Amino acid sequence: MNLKRSFRIPLYIVFAILLIFITICSFAVFEKSVNKNLFENSTNFLKETAFLYAGTFQVKLNDQLFMLESQARYFNDIDMDDYNLLKKTIMSTKGVGEFKRIAVANASGMTINYDGKSSGNILMKDYFKKAMEGHSQISSTISTDEDGEKVLTLAVPIFNGGKPVGVITGTFSYSVLENIFSVDTFGGDGYSVISDKNGMILIGTKSENRLCTTDNWFDFLMEKKALTKSQHDSIYAEMQKKSNRNF
């Protein structure tokens, strides 16, 4: 007697298993595709937003630099070492733009504000040195002025005979900068910053436990493991290269 029996899986079960498998694979592929599209769309949106606001912010700052250049013409033909003449000239000009304070400095870095007072000596400031090389500059850091307020400084060279002989500066208070750099990304859940070439934050969205509570966004991203070492080095190198351009 032959006790062997053949066992066959019904064809409809095979089809059912195959259908389930195909469905699972389809959902997996679909999910991957959707996630990829979401990632690409979000990345593109961030890039477009960054370029838009960076361009707008740059235009606004360039407008302010142009206003300082118009003020600088008052000093083109005067003796920058004559303190009384400098004081008389700066006090006769009117404040322009959204600057908190406008001042003029001779080659030694001595300053006089348009209210006739001094802001101290700026000889060692980075923006003064660059301006004395003939380039309009924006300070690389937020500093604290004599009133104890955080300010960003713009500087424009004063020329005489084609040679820089002094600098005119204008300071923005932090509150004005925040209004200029008002960005509402992702319905207020996003944040935006402007930093110097080393990642030190100059201006940032204010919120507790958000990015601007740190001083350096490179440190923040590395701490949160949002960047690998190679990504950090690549972005850092790119920022160093682009930061060498003059306004």
Protein backbone atom coordinates (compact mmCIF):
# COMPACT_ATOMS: atom_id res chain seq x y z
CA MET A 1 0.00 0.00 0.00
CA ASN A 2 1.35 3.37 -0.96
CA LEU A 3 0.91 5.85 1.92
CA LYS A 4 2.42 8.86 0.08
CA ARG A 5 0.04 11.71 -0.67
CA SER A 6 0.81 14.68 -2.87
CA PHE A 7 0.20 18.07 -1.26
CA ARG A 8 -0.46 21.08 -3.46
CA ILE A 9 -1.09 24.70 -2.44
CA PRO A 10 -4.30 25.87 -4.06
CA LEU A 11 -3.67 28.27 -6.92
CA TYR A 12 -5.90 30.98 -5.43
CA ILE A 13 -3.72 31.02 -2.28
CA VAL A 14 -0.61 31.46 -4.42
CA PHE A 15 -2.28 34.35 -6.18
CA ALA A 16 -3.38 35.84 -2.86
CA ILE A 17 0.12 35.62 -1.39
CA LEU A 18 1.60 37.07 -4.57
CA LEU A 19 -0.94 39.90 -4.54
CA ILE A 20 -0.19 40.72 -0.90
CA PHE A 21 3.53 40.72 -1.63
CA ILE A 22 3.09 43.02 -4.63
CA THR A 23 0.87 45.32 -2.58
CA ILE A 24 3.42 45.55 0.25
CA CYS A 25 6.21 46.26 -2.22
CA SER A 26 4.08 48.86 -3.97
CA PHE A 27 3.36 50.65 -0.70
CA ALA A 28 7.05 50.53 0.23
CA VAL A 29 8.07 51.99 -3.13
CA PHE A 30 5.28 54.58 -2.93
CA GLU A 31 6.29 55.60 0.59
CA LYS A 32 9.92 55.89 -0.44
CA SER A 33 8.93 57.95 -3.46
CA VAL A 34 6.70 60.23 -1.37
CA ASN A 35 9.39 60.71 1.27
CA LYS A 36 11.93 61.48 -1.43
CA ASN A 37 9.60 64.00 -3.06
CA LEU A 38 8.82 65.60 0.31
CA PHE A 39 12.52 65.86 1.09
CA GLU A 40 13.32 67.34 -2.32
CA ASN A 41 10.40 69.79 -2.14
CA SER A 42 11.34 70.87 1.38
CA THR A 43 14.98 71.31 0.37
CA ASN A 44 14.04 73.33 -2.70
CA PHE A 45 11.69 75.48 -0.60
CA LEU A 46 14.42 76.17 1.93
CA LYS A 47 16.89 77.10 -0.81
CA GLU A 48 14.41 79.41 -2.50
CA THR A 49 13.50 81.02 0.83
CA ALA A 50 17.15 81.47 1.77
CA PHE A 51 18.05 83.03 -1.57
CA LEU A 52 14.97 85.29 -1.45
CA TYR A 53 15.56 86.65 2.03
CA ALA A 54 19.33 86.82 1.66
CA GLY A 55 18.87 88.82 -1.52
CA THR A 56 16.29 91.11 0.08
CA PHE A 57 18.47 91.64 3.14
CA GLN A 58 21.50 92.38 0.94
CA VAL A 59 19.52 94.92 -1.11
CA LYS A 60 18.39 96.69 2.07
CA LEU A 61 21.94 96.85 3.41
CA ASN A 62 23.26 98.07 0.06
CA ASP A 63 20.64 100.84 0.14
CA GLN A 64 21.96 101.91 3.54
CA LEU A 65 25.56 101.76 2.28
CA PHE A 66 24.55 104.01 -0.63
CA MET A 67 23.12 106.52 1.86
CA LEU A 68 26.41 106.50 3.77
CA GLU A 69 28.29 107.05 0.51
CA SER A 70 26.19 110.15 -0.10
CA GLN A 71 27.15 111.40 3.37
CA ALA A 72 30.83 110.64 2.74
CA ARG A 73 30.93 113.22 -0.07
CA TYR A 74 30.69 116.02 2.51
CA PHE A 75 34.20 115.10 3.67
CA ASN A 76 35.96 114.59 0.33
CA ASP A 77 37.65 117.98 0.28
CA ILE A 78 38.29 118.77 3.94
CA ASP A 79 41.26 118.24 6.21
CA MET A 80 40.45 115.03 8.08
CA ASP A 81 43.00 115.90 10.78
CA ASP A 82 41.21 119.17 11.64
CA TYR A 83 39.04 118.09 14.59
CA ASN A 84 36.97 121.27 14.71
CA LEU A 85 36.28 121.16 10.96
CA LEU A 86 35.31 117.48 11.18
CA LYS A 87 32.97 118.21 14.08
CA LYS A 88 31.40 121.19 12.28
CA THR A 89 30.89 119.17 9.08
CA ILE A 90 29.40 116.04 10.69
CA MET A 91 27.07 118.12 12.86
CA SER A 92 25.83 120.02 9.80
CA THR A 93 24.76 116.81 8.06
CA LYS A 94 21.47 115.12 8.73
CA GLY A 95 21.02 111.51 9.79
CA VAL A 96 19.91 109.31 6.92
CA GLY A 97 18.37 105.86 6.58
CA GLU A 98 17.50 103.74 9.58
CA PHE A 99 20.82 104.25 11.35
CA LYS A 100 20.89 104.73 15.08
CA ARG A 101 24.08 106.76 14.87
CA ILE A 102 26.35 108.07 12.11
CA ALA A 103 29.98 108.96 12.80
CA VAL A 104 33.06 109.98 10.89
CA ALA A 105 36.62 108.81 11.63
CA ASN A 106 39.97 110.06 10.34
CA ALA A 107 42.89 107.80 9.45
CA SER A 108 43.90 107.48 13.11
CA GLY A 109 40.48 105.99 13.98
CA MET A 110 39.28 108.98 16.02
CA THR A 111 35.49 109.34 15.72
CA ILE A 112 32.93 112.14 15.94
CA ASN A 113 29.17 111.48 15.85
CA TYR A 114 26.71 113.82 14.14
CA ASP A 115 25.64 114.91 17.65
CA GLY A 116 29.20 116.20 18.21
CA LYS A 117 30.27 113.43 20.59
CA SER A 118 32.85 110.67 20.17
CA SER A 119 32.26 106.93 19.79
CA GLY A 120 35.84 106.22 20.79
CA ASN A 121 38.64 105.03 18.57
CA ILE A 122 37.88 102.39 15.92
CA LEU A 123 41.40 101.97 14.53
CA MET A 124 41.50 98.23 15.33
CA LYS A 125 37.99 97.41 14.11
CA ASP A 126 37.80 95.02 11.15
CA TYR A 127 35.33 97.20 9.25
CA PHE A 128 37.56 100.28 9.68
CA LYS A 129 40.62 98.48 8.33
CA LYS A 130 38.74 97.18 5.28
CA ALA A 131 37.14 100.56 4.62
CA MET A 132 40.57 102.22 4.76
CA GLU A 133 41.57 99.81 1.98
CA GLY A 134 38.85 101.39 -0.15
CA HIS A 135 35.99 98.89 0.34
CA SER A 136 32.57 99.52 1.86
CA GLN A 137 32.12 97.07 4.71
CA ILE A 138 29.65 95.48 7.09
CA SER A 139 31.10 94.50 10.46
CA SER A 140 31.66 90.79 10.91
CA THR A 141 30.22 90.78 14.42
CA ILE A 142 27.42 92.32 16.46
CA SER A 143 29.00 94.71 18.96
CA THR A 144 27.78 96.72 21.94
CA ASP A 145 27.76 100.51 21.59
CA GLU A 146 28.23 103.19 24.23
CA ASP A 147 24.56 102.93 25.21
CA GLY A 148 24.95 99.21 25.92
CA GLU A 149 22.82 98.30 22.89
CA LYS A 150 23.71 95.60 20.36
CA VAL A 151 24.48 97.10 16.96
CA LEU A 152 25.72 96.14 13.49
CA THR A 153 28.08 98.65 11.88
CA LEU A 154 28.33 99.64 8.22
CA ALA A 155 31.41 101.54 7.04
CA VAL A 156 32.18 103.50 3.87
CA PRO A 157 35.58 104.98 2.91
CA ILE A 158 36.06 108.71 2.47
CA PHE A 159 38.30 109.51 -0.50
CA ASN A 160 40.51 112.49 -1.20
CA GLY A 161 42.47 112.48 -4.44
CA GLY A 162 41.45 108.87 -5.02
CA LYS A 163 42.97 107.75 -1.71
CA PRO A 164 41.03 106.64 1.42
CA VAL A 165 41.60 109.28 4.12
CA GLY A 166 38.84 108.40 6.55
CA VAL A 167 35.70 106.38 7.17
CA ILE A 168 32.05 107.21 7.77
CA THR A 169 30.09 104.66 9.79
CA GLY A 170 26.45 103.98 10.54
CA THR A 171 25.12 101.63 13.21
CA PHE A 172 21.92 99.60 13.18
CA SER A 173 20.32 98.73 16.48
CA TYR A 174 19.41 95.07 16.91
CA SER A 175 15.69 95.88 17.00
CA VAL A 176 15.90 97.53 13.56
CA LEU A 177 17.88 94.58 12.23
CA GLU A 178 15.20 92.18 13.43
CA ASN A 179 12.57 94.15 11.52
CA ILE A 180 14.71 94.13 8.37
CA PHE A 181 15.37 90.43 8.77
CA SER A 182 11.86 89.31 9.63
CA VAL A 183 11.36 85.82 8.22
CA ASP A 184 8.39 83.56 9.00
CA THR A 185 9.33 80.14 7.66
CA PHE A 186 7.09 77.07 8.05
CA GLY A 187 4.34 79.05 9.77
CA GLY A 188 6.65 80.24 12.52
CA ASP A 189 8.05 76.78 13.32
CA GLY A 190 11.21 77.44 11.32
CA TYR A 191 14.08 79.73 12.18
CA SER A 192 16.52 81.82 10.18
CA VAL A 193 19.96 83.17 10.95
CA ILE A 194 22.67 85.28 9.39
CA SER A 195 26.15 84.34 10.50
CA ASP A 196 29.70 85.34 9.71
CA LYS A 197 32.01 83.05 7.76
CA ASN A 198 32.91 81.11 10.93
CA GLY A 199 29.30 80.37 11.85
CA MET A 200 29.01 83.02 14.58
CA ILE A 201 25.38 84.18 14.57
CA LEU A 202 24.86 87.88 13.83
CA ILE A 203 21.07 87.89 13.55
CA GLY A 204 18.63 85.10 14.29
CA THR A 205 15.00 84.27 14.96
CA LYS A 206 14.38 84.79 18.66
CA SER A 207 12.74 81.94 20.51
CA GLU A 208 13.49 79.92 23.62
CA ASN A 209 15.29 76.63 22.97
CA ARG A 210 15.79 77.54 19.33
CA LEU A 211 18.93 77.92 17.23
CA CYS A 212 19.69 81.54 18.06
CA THR A 213 20.18 80.66 21.73
CA THR A 214 23.59 79.36 20.68
CA ASP A 215 26.46 81.55 19.51
CA ASN A 216 27.62 79.40 16.61
CA TRP A 217 25.34 77.47 14.26
CA PHE A 218 28.16 75.11 13.17
CA ASP A 219 28.54 74.02 16.78
CA PHE A 220 24.77 73.64 17.10
CA LEU A 221 24.44 71.45 13.98
CA MET A 222 27.40 69.29 14.94
CA GLU A 223 26.06 68.88 18.48
CA LYS A 224 22.65 67.81 17.13
CA LYS A 225 24.41 65.50 14.63
CA ALA A 226 22.68 67.28 11.76
CA LEU A 227 26.02 67.46 9.91
CA THR A 228 28.77 64.94 9.39
CA LYS A 229 32.39 66.07 9.66
CA SER A 230 32.78 66.01 5.87
CA GLN A 231 29.57 68.05 5.39
CA HIS A 232 30.75 70.55 7.98
CA ASP A 233 34.14 70.92 6.27
CA SER A 234 32.52 71.31 2.84
CA ILE A 235 30.06 74.03 3.96
CA TYR A 236 32.75 75.79 5.99
CA ALA A 237 35.12 75.88 3.01
CA GLU A 238 32.37 77.27 0.77
CA MET A 239 31.57 80.04 3.25
CA GLN A 240 35.24 80.97 3.55
CA LYS A 241 35.50 81.24 -0.23
CA LYS A 242 32.40 83.41 -0.64
CA SER A 243 33.20 85.63 2.33
CA ASN A 244 36.25 86.99 0.53
CA ARG A 245 34.06 89.06 -1.79
CA ASN A 246 33.82 92.80 -1.10
CA PHE A 247 30.59 94.78 -1.26
